């Protein structure tokens, strides 16, 4: 709260405040918006005035006004609290009396709401499943970034296809600094789903994702691959809690087979994670069909 006390908002019209809030939202930043709804008696606040607070920690920035002075300081403290708790929209009444060191005697009703950005998802691997998942996620309100170290995975036609959907496709390895920068949020607020062309690379990326404390770590693969992945994590000294965080095979069990079906399965699990619902049982690989004995195999 002391941080909010040391911020003087930059003056701006309500229209400019809205543009600033949308810009912050587009960069993946959460922001709090305060709007003066009504005023009673003598008060400096004017209905329609807006104030936006964005960023986090010591890098908070404020633009706009809801009247200035002590009332604005009190509003900003409430906005910081709302940002930290991701509170639901709430109409506050601020009375301009002795508790604020003011003698106006009036009051102002101010709506404070948090604009939370779309959850960021990093898809490592731009193969068939990666592309299908990237095409689907924006329609569900996720902000997707795809990365693949193979130059041929990011040819212009693939890049333009995803750009048209608002998806970023980077021709970089997973640990390139630009990959994390593209997320625009800390890994602790994002998901990573691993589906590269190489099982050893999958293992490396999963270890990287756990080391960076991604909020959700998933990997495409069979149950046998999942078991081997967990064994290797344990062999490297990772604790049971980290090993248990790996969702593999990732996806809801819907009998998915095609890349598009698998994308639906993965998206279903990401929706459950975003909503805070209990994560479903992982998708199970379809068991191999039993071999039919023939004269050649039975002899």
Protein backbone atom coordinates (compact mmCIF):
# COMPACT_ATOMS: atom_id res chain seq x y z
CA UNK A 1 0.00 0.00 0.00
CA UNK A 2 2.88 2.38 0.70
CA UNK A 3 3.81 2.08 -2.98
CA UNK A 4 0.45 3.57 -3.98
CA UNK A 5 1.03 6.50 -1.62
CA UNK A 6 4.15 7.48 -3.58
CA UNK A 7 2.58 7.57 -7.04
CA UNK A 8 1.31 10.75 -8.65
CA UNK A 9 -0.90 9.82 -11.63
CA UNK A 10 -0.21 11.35 -15.01
CA UNK A 11 -3.08 13.62 -16.05
CA UNK A 12 -5.21 12.25 -18.87
CA UNK A 13 -8.75 12.42 -20.19
CA UNK A 14 -11.12 9.50 -19.57
CA UNK A 15 -10.74 8.49 -23.23
CA UNK A 16 -6.96 8.37 -22.94
CA UNK A 17 -7.23 6.38 -19.70
CA UNK A 18 -9.30 3.79 -21.50
CA UNK A 19 -6.70 3.58 -24.28
CA UNK A 20 -3.92 3.14 -21.71
CA UNK A 21 -5.86 0.37 -19.97
CA UNK A 22 -6.42 -1.47 -23.25
CA UNK A 23 -2.73 -1.10 -24.15
CA UNK A 24 -1.67 -2.58 -20.80
CA UNK A 25 -4.20 -5.38 -21.20
CA UNK A 26 -2.85 -6.12 -24.67
CA UNK A 27 0.66 -6.48 -23.22
CA UNK A 28 -0.57 -9.10 -20.78
CA UNK A 29 -0.61 -6.77 -17.78
CA UNK A 30 -3.40 -6.73 -15.24
CA UNK A 31 -4.71 -3.28 -14.46
CA UNK A 32 -7.23 -1.72 -12.12
CA UNK A 33 -9.71 0.86 -13.35
CA UNK A 34 -11.50 3.36 -11.12
CA UNK A 35 -14.50 5.29 -12.42
CA UNK A 36 -16.38 8.01 -10.57
CA UNK A 37 -20.04 6.99 -10.68
CA UNK A 38 -21.66 9.70 -8.55
CA UNK A 39 -20.92 12.57 -6.18
CA UNK A 40 -22.87 13.86 -3.21
CA UNK A 41 -22.31 17.23 -1.62
CA UNK A 42 -18.97 18.98 -1.80
CA UNK A 43 -16.37 16.69 -3.40
CA UNK A 44 -13.59 17.14 -5.98
CA UNK A 45 -14.58 14.01 -7.90
CA UNK A 46 -16.63 14.36 -11.08
CA UNK A 47 -18.79 11.55 -12.49
CA UNK A 48 -17.09 9.99 -15.51
CA UNK A 49 -13.53 10.64 -14.34
CA UNK A 50 -11.27 7.60 -14.68
CA UNK A 51 -7.99 6.40 -13.20
CA UNK A 52 -5.97 3.37 -14.38
CA UNK A 53 -3.31 1.60 -12.32
CA UNK A 54 -1.18 -1.02 -14.07
CA UNK A 55 1.99 -3.00 -13.48
CA UNK A 56 3.11 -4.72 -10.28
CA UNK A 57 5.36 -4.26 -7.28
CA UNK A 58 7.47 -1.13 -7.49
CA UNK A 59 6.73 -0.72 -11.21
CA UNK A 60 3.16 0.47 -10.85
CA UNK A 61 2.06 3.27 -13.16
CA UNK A 62 -1.03 5.43 -12.87
CA UNK A 63 -2.79 7.61 -15.40
CA UNK A 64 -5.94 9.73 -15.09
CA UNK A 65 -7.67 11.15 -12.02
CA UNK A 66 -10.68 10.64 -9.77
CA UNK A 67 -10.37 14.02 -8.06
CA UNK A 68 -6.83 14.21 -6.72
CA UNK A 69 -5.64 14.69 -3.17
CA UNK A 70 -6.52 12.42 -0.29
CA UNK A 71 -9.51 10.81 -1.98
CA UNK A 72 -7.37 9.78 -4.95
CA UNK A 73 -4.75 8.34 -2.62
CA UNK A 74 -7.43 6.28 -0.84
CA UNK A 75 -8.78 5.09 -4.18
CA UNK A 76 -5.31 4.01 -5.31
CA UNK A 77 -4.79 2.00 -2.12
CA UNK A 78 -8.07 0.21 -2.81
CA UNK A 79 -6.96 -0.38 -6.41
CA UNK A 80 -3.69 -1.98 -5.27
CA UNK A 81 -5.68 -4.28 -2.98
CA UNK A 82 -7.99 -5.18 -5.87
CA UNK A 83 -5.04 -5.93 -8.15
CA UNK A 84 -3.35 -8.16 -5.60
CA UNK A 85 -6.51 -10.15 -4.85
CA UNK A 86 -8.00 -10.01 -8.37
CA UNK A 87 -11.19 -8.82 -6.67
CA UNK A 88 -14.56 -8.69 -8.38
CA UNK A 89 -15.85 -5.24 -9.42
CA UNK A 90 -16.99 -3.25 -6.40
CA UNK A 91 -18.63 0.11 -5.85
CA UNK A 92 -16.86 1.98 -3.03
CA UNK A 93 -18.12 5.01 -1.15
CA UNK A 94 -15.41 7.45 -0.10
CA UNK A 95 -16.51 10.02 2.49
CA UNK A 96 -14.47 13.21 2.43
CA UNK A 97 -14.30 13.71 6.17
CA UNK A 98 -11.75 13.60 9.00
CA UNK A 99 -10.72 9.99 8.23
CA UNK A 100 -9.21 11.26 4.96
CA UNK A 101 -7.97 14.49 6.50
CA UNK A 102 -10.54 16.44 4.49
CA UNK A 103 -13.28 18.82 5.50
CA UNK A 104 -15.33 18.86 2.28
CA UNK A 105 -18.08 16.83 3.90
CA UNK A 106 -19.26 15.26 0.68
CA UNK A 107 -18.78 11.75 -0.70
CA UNK A 108 -18.08 9.99 -3.96
CA UNK A 109 -19.09 6.58 -5.24
CA UNK A 110 -16.30 5.05 -7.28
CA UNK A 111 -16.35 1.74 -9.13
CA UNK A 112 -13.09 -0.22 -8.96
CA UNK A 113 -12.65 -3.16 -11.30
CA UNK A 114 -9.70 -5.30 -12.34
CA UNK A 115 -9.07 -6.02 -16.01
CA UNK A 116 -7.25 -9.36 -16.06
CA UNK A 117 -5.35 -10.24 -19.23
CA UNK A 118 -5.88 -13.43 -21.16
CA UNK A 119 -3.91 -16.34 -19.73
CA UNK A 120 -0.65 -16.84 -21.59
CA UNK A 121 0.15 -20.27 -23.01
CA UNK A 122 3.55 -21.21 -24.42
CA UNK A 123 3.35 -24.07 -26.93
CA UNK A 124 6.79 -25.58 -27.48
CA UNK A 125 6.68 -27.33 -30.82
CA UNK A 126 5.02 -26.10 -34.02
CA UNK A 127 4.13 -29.46 -35.50
CA UNK A 128 0.63 -30.64 -36.42
CA UNK A 129 -0.67 -30.69 -32.84
CA UNK A 130 1.08 -27.45 -31.91
CA UNK A 131 -0.42 -25.59 -34.86
CA UNK A 132 -3.89 -27.02 -34.28
CA UNK A 133 -3.75 -26.02 -30.61
CA UNK A 134 -2.46 -22.54 -31.47
CA UNK A 135 -5.37 -22.02 -33.89
CA UNK A 136 -7.91 -23.04 -31.25
CA UNK A 137 -6.71 -21.26 -28.10
CA UNK A 138 -7.46 -17.63 -29.14
CA UNK A 139 -11.14 -18.47 -29.62
CA UNK A 140 -11.19 -19.61 -25.97
CA UNK A 141 -9.65 -16.42 -24.63
CA UNK A 142 -6.03 -17.57 -24.30
CA UNK A 143 -3.00 -15.67 -25.58
CA UNK A 144 -0.74 -18.19 -27.30
CA UNK A 145 2.93 -18.10 -28.19
CA UNK A 146 4.47 -20.91 -30.23
CA UNK A 147 8.19 -21.61 -30.39
CA UNK A 148 10.15 -24.09 -32.46
CA UNK A 149 13.90 -24.26 -33.01
CA UNK A 150 13.50 -25.61 -36.56
CA UNK A 151 13.74 -22.88 -39.19
CA UNK A 152 11.31 -24.73 -41.46
CA UNK A 153 8.64 -24.59 -38.74
CA UNK A 154 8.29 -20.83 -39.09
CA UNK A 155 8.10 -20.27 -42.81
CA UNK A 156 6.22 -17.07 -43.78
CA UNK A 157 2.92 -18.75 -44.59
CA UNK A 158 2.80 -20.41 -41.14
CA UNK A 159 3.73 -17.19 -39.38
CA UNK A 160 1.08 -15.18 -41.24
CA UNK A 161 -1.58 -17.82 -40.57
CA UNK A 162 -1.09 -17.53 -36.81
CA UNK A 163 -0.53 -13.78 -36.81
CA UNK A 164 -4.01 -13.42 -38.28
CA UNK A 165 -5.31 -15.11 -35.12
CA UNK A 166 -3.20 -13.03 -32.77
CA UNK A 167 -0.76 -15.88 -32.10
CA UNK A 168 3.01 -15.29 -31.99
CA UNK A 169 5.22 -17.87 -33.72
CA UNK A 170 8.91 -17.61 -32.82
CA UNK A 171 11.70 -19.50 -34.59
CA UNK A 172 13.67 -19.82 -31.37
CA UNK A 173 14.60 -22.52 -28.92
CA UNK A 174 12.48 -22.66 -25.79
CA UNK A 175 15.16 -21.07 -23.61
CA UNK A 176 15.76 -18.02 -25.80
CA UNK A 177 15.12 -14.87 -23.70
CA UNK A 178 12.75 -13.56 -26.36
CA UNK A 179 10.41 -16.47 -25.68
CA UNK A 180 9.76 -15.42 -22.09
CA UNK A 181 9.56 -11.77 -23.15
CA UNK A 182 6.83 -12.67 -25.64
CA UNK A 183 4.68 -14.04 -22.82
CA UNK A 184 4.54 -10.52 -21.30
CA UNK A 185 3.87 -12.13 -17.89
CA UNK A 186 5.91 -14.12 -15.41
CA UNK A 187 5.98 -17.90 -16.01
CA UNK A 188 4.28 -18.27 -12.63
CA UNK A 189 1.11 -16.96 -14.31
CA UNK A 190 1.44 -18.87 -17.58
CA UNK A 191 1.11 -22.39 -18.93
CA UNK A 192 3.58 -24.34 -21.05
CA UNK A 193 2.62 -27.34 -23.17
CA UNK A 194 5.45 -29.36 -24.71
CA UNK A 195 5.07 -31.20 -28.02
CA UNK A 196 8.36 -31.09 -29.92
CA UNK A 197 9.58 -33.41 -32.66
CA UNK A 198 12.14 -35.04 -30.32
CA UNK A 199 11.47 -36.93 -27.09
CA UNK A 200 14.81 -35.92 -25.59
CA UNK A 201 14.01 -32.29 -26.31
CA UNK A 202 10.60 -32.74 -24.67
CA UNK A 203 12.38 -33.92 -21.53
CA UNK A 204 14.73 -30.92 -21.58
CA UNK A 205 11.89 -28.44 -22.04
CA UNK A 206 9.82 -29.96 -19.22
CA UNK A 207 12.81 -29.65 -16.88
CA UNK A 208 13.23 -26.03 -18.04
CA UNK A 209 9.54 -25.30 -17.44
CA UNK A 210 9.69 -26.70 -13.90
CA UNK A 211 12.86 -24.70 -13.18
CA UNK A 212 11.08 -21.51 -14.31
CA UNK A 213 8.07 -22.35 -12.11
CA UNK A 214 5.43 -22.21 -14.85
CA UNK A 215 1.97 -22.35 -13.31
CA UNK A 216 0.97 -25.25 -15.57
CA UNK A 217 3.33 -27.78 -17.16
CA UNK A 218 1.96 -30.29 -19.66
CA UNK A 219 3.38 -32.60 -22.25
CA UNK A 220 2.00 -34.57 -25.18
CA UNK A 221 2.87 -38.26 -25.17
CA UNK A 222 1.86 -41.80 -24.36
CA UNK A 223 1.50 -43.19 -20.86
CA UNK A 224 4.76 -45.05 -21.33
CA UNK A 225 6.53 -41.82 -22.29
CA UNK A 226 4.97 -40.09 -19.30
CA UNK A 227 6.31 -42.77 -16.96
CA UNK A 228 9.81 -42.49 -18.41
CA UNK A 229 9.67 -38.69 -18.17
CA UNK A 230 8.81 -38.85 -14.47
CA UNK A 231 11.52 -41.44 -13.82
CA UNK A 232 14.12 -39.17 -15.42
CA UNK A 233 12.92 -36.20 -13.38
CA UNK A 234 13.26 -38.22 -10.19
CA UNK A 235 16.72 -39.41 -11.26
CA UNK A 236 17.76 -35.76 -11.61
CA UNK A 237 16.74 -35.08 -8.04
CA UNK A 238 13.44 -33.29 -8.56
CA UNK A 239 11.09 -33.64 -5.62
CA UNK A 240 7.71 -35.42 -5.67
CA UNK A 241 5.81 -32.12 -5.79
CA UNK A 242 7.56 -30.98 -8.98
CA UNK A 243 7.25 -34.39 -10.62
CA UNK A 244 3.54 -34.50 -9.81
CA UNK A 245 3.00 -31.09 -11.45
CA UNK A 246 3.76 -32.48 -14.91
CA UNK A 247 0.49 -33.15 -16.72
CA UNK A 248 1.37 -35.95 -19.13
CA UNK A 249 -0.37 -37.16 -21.19
CA UNK A 250 -1.85 -33.66 -21.25
CA UNK A 251 -5.48 -33.29 -22.25
CA UNK A 252 -8.96 -34.43 -21.29
CA UNK A 253 -9.76 -38.05 -22.05
CA UNK A 254 -12.10 -37.76 -25.06
CA UNK A 255 -10.60 -40.45 -27.28
CA UNK A 256 -8.77 -37.85 -29.39
CA UNK A 257 -6.72 -39.12 -32.33
CA UNK A 258 -6.31 -36.39 -34.97
CA UNK A 259 -4.28 -33.21 -34.31
CA UNK A 260 -7.49 -31.18 -34.18
CA UNK A 261 -9.08 -33.57 -31.69
CA UNK A 262 -5.95 -33.59 -29.54
CA UNK A 263 -6.01 -29.78 -29.60
CA UNK A 264 -9.57 -29.85 -28.24
CA UNK A 265 -8.44 -32.24 -25.53
CA UNK A 266 -5.52 -30.00 -24.52
CA UNK A 267 -7.69 -26.88 -24.61
CA UNK A 268 -10.22 -28.57 -22.32
CA UNK A 269 -7.58 -29.15 -19.67
CA UNK A 270 -6.29 -25.58 -20.00
CA UNK A 271 -9.82 -24.23 -19.51
CA UNK A 272 -10.14 -26.33 -16.33
CA UNK A 273 -6.79 -24.99 -15.08
CA UNK A 274 -7.76 -21.38 -15.82
CA UNK A 275 -11.10 -21.66 -14.06
CA UNK A 276 -9.55 -23.22 -10.96
CA UNK A 277 -11.60 -26.38 -11.36
CA UNK A 278 -10.17 -29.71 -10.30
CA UNK A 279 -8.00 -30.90 -13.17
CA UNK A 280 -9.45 -33.93 -14.94
CA UNK A 281 -7.75 -37.27 -15.26
CA UNK A 282 -5.13 -37.09 -18.03
CA UNK A 283 -6.00 -38.46 -21.43
CA UNK A 284 -5.05 -42.09 -21.77
CA UNK A 285 -3.26 -43.39 -24.80
CA UNK A 286 -5.37 -45.82 -26.77
CA UNK A 287 -4.15 -49.38 -26.00
CA UNK A 288 -2.49 -51.22 -28.84
CA UNK A 289 -4.73 -53.64 -30.68
CA UNK A 290 -3.91 -57.28 -29.86
CA UNK A 291 -2.17 -59.14 -32.59
CA UNK A 292 -4.23 -61.77 -34.38
CA UNK A 293 -2.47 -65.13 -34.55
CA UNK A 294 -1.75 -66.42 -38.01
CA UNK A 295 -0.06 -69.55 -39.24
CA UNK A 296 3.19 -67.60 -39.48
CA UNK A 297 3.01 -66.09 -35.97
CA UNK A 298 1.67 -69.16 -34.24
CA UNK A 299 4.04 -71.65 -35.71
